[in-house]
Structure formats: structure tokens, C-alpha cells
Amino acid sequence: MKKILLVLLLLLFGCSGTTKQTLKKDSSPEKKASISNEQKLINLISDEDDEVAMKAISVLGRQDDASKAVVQKYDDMFRNCKNNRRIEDLLDAIYLYNNQIDFLPGLEICLNSTNEDVREEAIDIIGGIEEKEAIDALIKALSNKYSVVIEEAQYSLELLTDKEFKNQLQWKTWWKMNRKNFQF
């Protein structure tokens, strides 16, 4: 039954193609139905069946920008889900969104995962975000308990800033003086 519901949702949601801007402008019954379809898909992200959850994640990933509800669900999953495969699927889906910076709090949670693949993928995503808040997170990650997170944070900082410093204190000092006027 769930798979039939999912297929129906995929057809309805996939055909509507709504974005945040469209939803704000049009409050017709069809648009309101799309909102409830999105919520149904969000709920399916935590389905016990990995295939159902992955399809829901995939359909939600068709949007250019993740809605606040999607970002909140991801954050909740990063905090509470013990299924590393599911977390990796969610991390993979973040690459599809333009508003990756919105996922930053959840990505920072993943930096402390006991799963090395989850940590590595999270730091890779953060390192690819050209926003000042990502640099804040990378500097913070320099004190992480996992060496791979520290190494990747250092590497990403060097790529994003074209600067090289040896430790977190040097990065913090430089960033404090340059954050306001820094441009990518």
C-alpha cells in the first residue's frame, strides 16, 4: 500500500513542480495539495523501507531549493537516525540543492558521527559551500576529535580562502579580521 501511495505522490508531486516562489504567489487548491504532498514525502523519508525512503528523498531533491520543512526533517534525521545508509542518502541529496547552506547545522552534527563515511561526506559538502557561515563551520571543525574532519577542514579552508595557516587559532585570528570584507 505504501508503495502505491508513493507512486501516486511521485506523480502528483513530480507533475506539480512547485517552488517556494510559486507557492507564495498562488494559494489555489492545487498548490495547497502540493504542500500536503510535500509533507507526505517528508514523512516517507523516515520510512522503514530504504527503497521507499530513497524515492521520497529523490523526488524532494527535484526542487532547486529545499523548503524549510525539508531542511528541518534532514536536521531531525541527522540528530536521531541511527541508519548510516539513510544518512548517507540524505547527504547525497544535499548536493542537488542550491540552498546547501540551509543544511549547515545538520551537516555539523554529521561531523561527529561514529561513521567515517558520514563524516567525510559532511565535511566535503561544507567545504564546497561558498558562504561565510561555511568558513565559520570549517574553522570550528579544526578542533574536531576525528583527524579526517580536521584534515578536510584545513584543506577546504585553504581552497576557499587561498590562505594557509597551521592551526585553529591562526585561522580564527585571520577570520576575525577579514570576515566582514571577505569575498569568494
Protein backbone atom coordinates (compact mmCIF):
# COMPACT_ATOMS: atom_id res chain seq x y z
CA MET A 1 0.00 0.00 0.00
CA LYS A 2 2.82 2.42 0.87
CA LYS A 3 4.48 1.87 -2.47
CA ILE A 4 1.23 2.61 -4.28
CA LEU A 5 0.85 5.79 -2.23
CA LEU A 6 4.43 6.71 -3.02
CA VAL A 7 3.88 6.25 -6.76
CA LEU A 8 0.79 8.44 -6.59
CA LEU A 9 2.72 11.06 -4.66
CA LEU A 10 5.56 10.91 -7.14
CA LEU A 11 3.16 11.53 -9.98
CA LEU A 12 1.32 14.33 -8.19
CA PHE A 13 4.38 16.00 -6.75
CA GLY A 14 6.60 15.47 -9.74
CA CYS A 15 3.98 16.97 -12.08
CA SER A 16 3.24 19.99 -9.94
CA GLY A 17 6.84 21.21 -9.91
CA THR A 18 6.10 23.90 -7.36
CA THR A 19 8.77 26.12 -5.93
CA LYS A 20 8.70 28.33 -2.88
CA GLN A 21 8.09 31.38 -5.03
CA THR A 22 5.14 29.78 -6.81
CA LEU A 23 3.60 28.68 -3.53
CA LYS A 24 3.75 32.20 -2.14
CA LYS A 25 2.04 33.70 -5.17
CA ASP A 26 -0.70 31.12 -5.68
CA SER A 27 -2.86 29.73 -2.91
CA SER A 28 -5.18 27.77 -5.18
CA PRO A 29 -6.40 24.34 -4.00
CA GLU A 30 -3.94 22.62 -6.36
CA LYS A 31 -1.00 24.42 -4.74
CA LYS A 32 -2.29 23.62 -1.25
CA ALA A 33 -2.48 19.96 -2.29
CA SER A 34 1.17 20.16 -3.38
CA ILE A 35 2.12 21.34 0.07
CA SER A 36 0.45 18.34 1.66
CA ASN A 37 2.11 16.06 -0.90
CA GLU A 38 5.47 17.51 0.06
CA GLN A 39 4.73 16.78 3.71
CA LYS A 40 3.78 13.21 2.84
CA LEU A 41 7.10 12.80 1.06
CA ILE A 42 8.93 14.33 4.00
CA ASN A 43 7.26 11.79 6.28
CA LEU A 44 8.33 8.96 3.97
CA ILE A 45 12.00 9.91 4.44
CA SER A 46 11.88 8.05 7.75
CA ASP A 47 10.03 5.02 6.38
CA GLU A 48 11.44 1.67 7.47
CA ASP A 49 11.80 0.59 3.83
CA ASP A 50 15.04 2.09 2.50
CA GLU A 51 13.74 1.97 -1.08
CA VAL A 52 10.61 3.96 -0.21
CA ALA A 53 12.66 6.49 1.74
CA MET A 54 15.20 6.89 -1.07
CA LYS A 55 12.45 7.50 -3.62
CA ALA A 56 10.95 10.18 -1.39
CA ILE A 57 14.37 11.79 -0.96
CA SER A 58 14.88 11.67 -4.72
CA VAL A 59 11.54 13.30 -5.52
CA LEU A 60 12.09 16.05 -2.95
CA GLY A 61 15.53 16.61 -4.50
CA ARG A 62 13.92 17.62 -7.80
CA GLN A 63 13.33 21.08 -6.37
CA ASP A 64 16.09 23.66 -6.84
CA ASP A 65 15.82 24.77 -3.22
CA ALA A 66 14.80 22.67 -0.25
CA SER A 67 11.86 24.01 1.71
CA LYS A 68 12.21 24.82 5.40
CA ALA A 69 10.24 21.66 6.17
CA VAL A 70 12.70 19.51 4.20
CA VAL A 71 15.70 21.15 5.89
CA GLN A 72 14.08 20.59 9.30
CA LYS A 73 13.42 16.90 8.52
CA TYR A 74 17.04 16.41 7.44
CA ASP A 75 18.25 18.08 10.63
CA ASP A 76 15.98 15.82 12.69
CA MET A 77 17.26 12.75 10.84
CA PHE A 78 20.89 13.79 11.34
CA ARG A 79 20.21 14.12 15.07
CA ASN A 80 18.16 10.97 15.61
CA CYS A 81 18.56 8.41 12.83
CA LYS A 82 20.92 5.51 13.52
CA ASN A 83 20.72 4.16 9.96
CA ASN A 84 24.01 5.27 8.36
CA ARG A 85 22.85 4.29 4.90
CA ARG A 86 19.85 6.61 5.24
CA ILE A 87 22.09 9.43 6.48
CA GLU A 88 24.41 8.90 3.51
CA ASP A 89 21.41 9.03 1.15
CA LEU A 90 20.35 12.32 2.72
CA LEU A 91 23.86 13.72 2.40
CA ASP A 92 23.99 12.66 -1.27
CA ALA A 93 20.72 14.50 -1.87
CA ILE A 94 22.03 17.75 -0.39
CA TYR A 95 24.32 18.12 -3.41
CA LEU A 96 21.20 18.62 -5.56
CA TYR A 97 20.00 21.72 -3.75
CA ASN A 98 21.06 25.31 -4.43
CA ASN A 99 20.50 26.26 -0.79
CA GLN A 100 23.03 23.88 0.75
CA ILE A 101 23.90 26.47 3.37
CA ASP A 102 20.50 25.91 4.98
CA PHE A 103 21.62 22.38 5.86
CA LEU A 104 24.74 23.60 7.70
CA PRO A 105 23.53 22.91 11.28
CA GLY A 106 22.68 19.33 10.35
CA LEU A 107 25.94 18.88 8.47
CA GLU A 108 27.84 19.99 11.55
CA ILE A 109 26.06 17.27 13.53
CA CYS A 110 27.29 14.72 10.99
CA LEU A 111 30.90 15.77 11.60
CA ASN A 112 30.72 13.91 14.92
CA SER A 113 29.15 10.74 13.54
CA THR A 114 30.75 7.45 14.50
CA ASN A 115 30.58 6.55 10.79
CA GLU A 116 33.63 7.73 8.86
CA ASP A 117 31.79 7.90 5.51
CA VAL A 118 29.14 10.18 7.03
CA ARG A 119 31.82 12.47 8.49
CA GLU A 120 33.76 12.63 5.23
CA GLU A 121 30.73 13.39 3.10
CA ALA A 122 29.50 16.08 5.50
CA ILE A 123 32.86 17.88 5.57
CA ASP A 124 33.08 17.64 1.77
CA ILE A 125 29.68 19.32 1.42
CA ILE A 126 30.59 22.07 3.89
CA GLY A 127 33.90 22.61 2.09
CA GLY A 128 32.05 23.19 -1.17
CA ILE A 129 29.74 25.89 0.17
CA GLU A 130 30.98 29.36 -0.72
CA GLU A 131 29.39 31.19 2.19
CA LYS A 132 30.95 32.84 5.22
CA GLU A 133 28.95 30.60 7.55
CA ALA A 134 30.64 27.58 5.96
CA ILE A 135 34.04 29.04 6.74
CA ASP A 136 32.86 29.56 10.34
CA ALA A 137 31.93 25.86 10.46
CA LEU A 138 35.21 24.76 8.88
CA ILE A 139 37.25 26.74 11.40
CA LYS A 140 35.18 25.20 14.19
CA ALA A 141 35.80 21.75 12.66
CA LEU A 142 39.55 22.21 13.13
CA SER A 143 39.00 21.15 16.76
CA ASN A 144 37.01 18.02 15.85
CA LYS A 145 38.00 14.75 17.52
CA TYR A 146 38.36 12.99 14.16
CA SER A 147 41.57 13.60 12.21
CA VAL A 148 39.91 13.21 8.79
CA VAL A 149 37.50 16.04 9.63
CA ILE A 150 40.38 18.27 10.71
CA GLU A 151 42.42 17.47 7.59
CA GLU A 152 39.49 18.07 5.23
CA ALA A 153 38.51 21.27 7.04
CA GLN A 154 42.08 22.58 6.70
CA TYR A 155 42.18 21.65 3.01
CA SER A 156 38.79 23.24 2.33
CA LEU A 157 39.74 26.44 4.15
CA GLU A 158 42.88 26.73 2.04
CA LEU A 159 40.88 26.22 -1.16
CA LEU A 160 38.10 28.64 -0.23
CA THR A 161 40.31 31.42 1.13
CA ASP A 162 43.60 30.97 -0.73
CA LYS A 163 45.31 31.25 2.67
CA GLU A 164 47.41 28.81 4.68
CA PHE A 165 47.57 28.69 8.44
CA LYS A 166 48.88 25.94 10.68
CA ASN A 167 46.27 25.83 13.43
CA GLN A 168 42.80 26.86 14.51
CA LEU A 169 43.97 29.88 16.48
CA GLN A 170 45.69 31.34 13.41
CA TRP A 171 42.58 30.74 11.31
CA LYS A 172 40.34 32.32 13.95
CA THR A 173 42.58 35.37 14.23
CA TRP A 174 42.74 35.88 10.47
CA TRP A 175 38.99 35.29 10.04
CA LYS A 176 38.07 37.70 12.80
CA MET A 177 39.98 40.44 10.98
CA ASN A 178 38.81 39.53 7.46
CA ARG A 179 35.32 38.04 7.71
CA LYS A 180 33.41 41.26 7.14
CA ASN A 181 35.11 42.11 3.83
CA PHE A 182 35.92 38.62 2.61
CA GLN A 183 34.66 37.73 -0.84
CA PHE A 184 34.70 34.43 -2.67
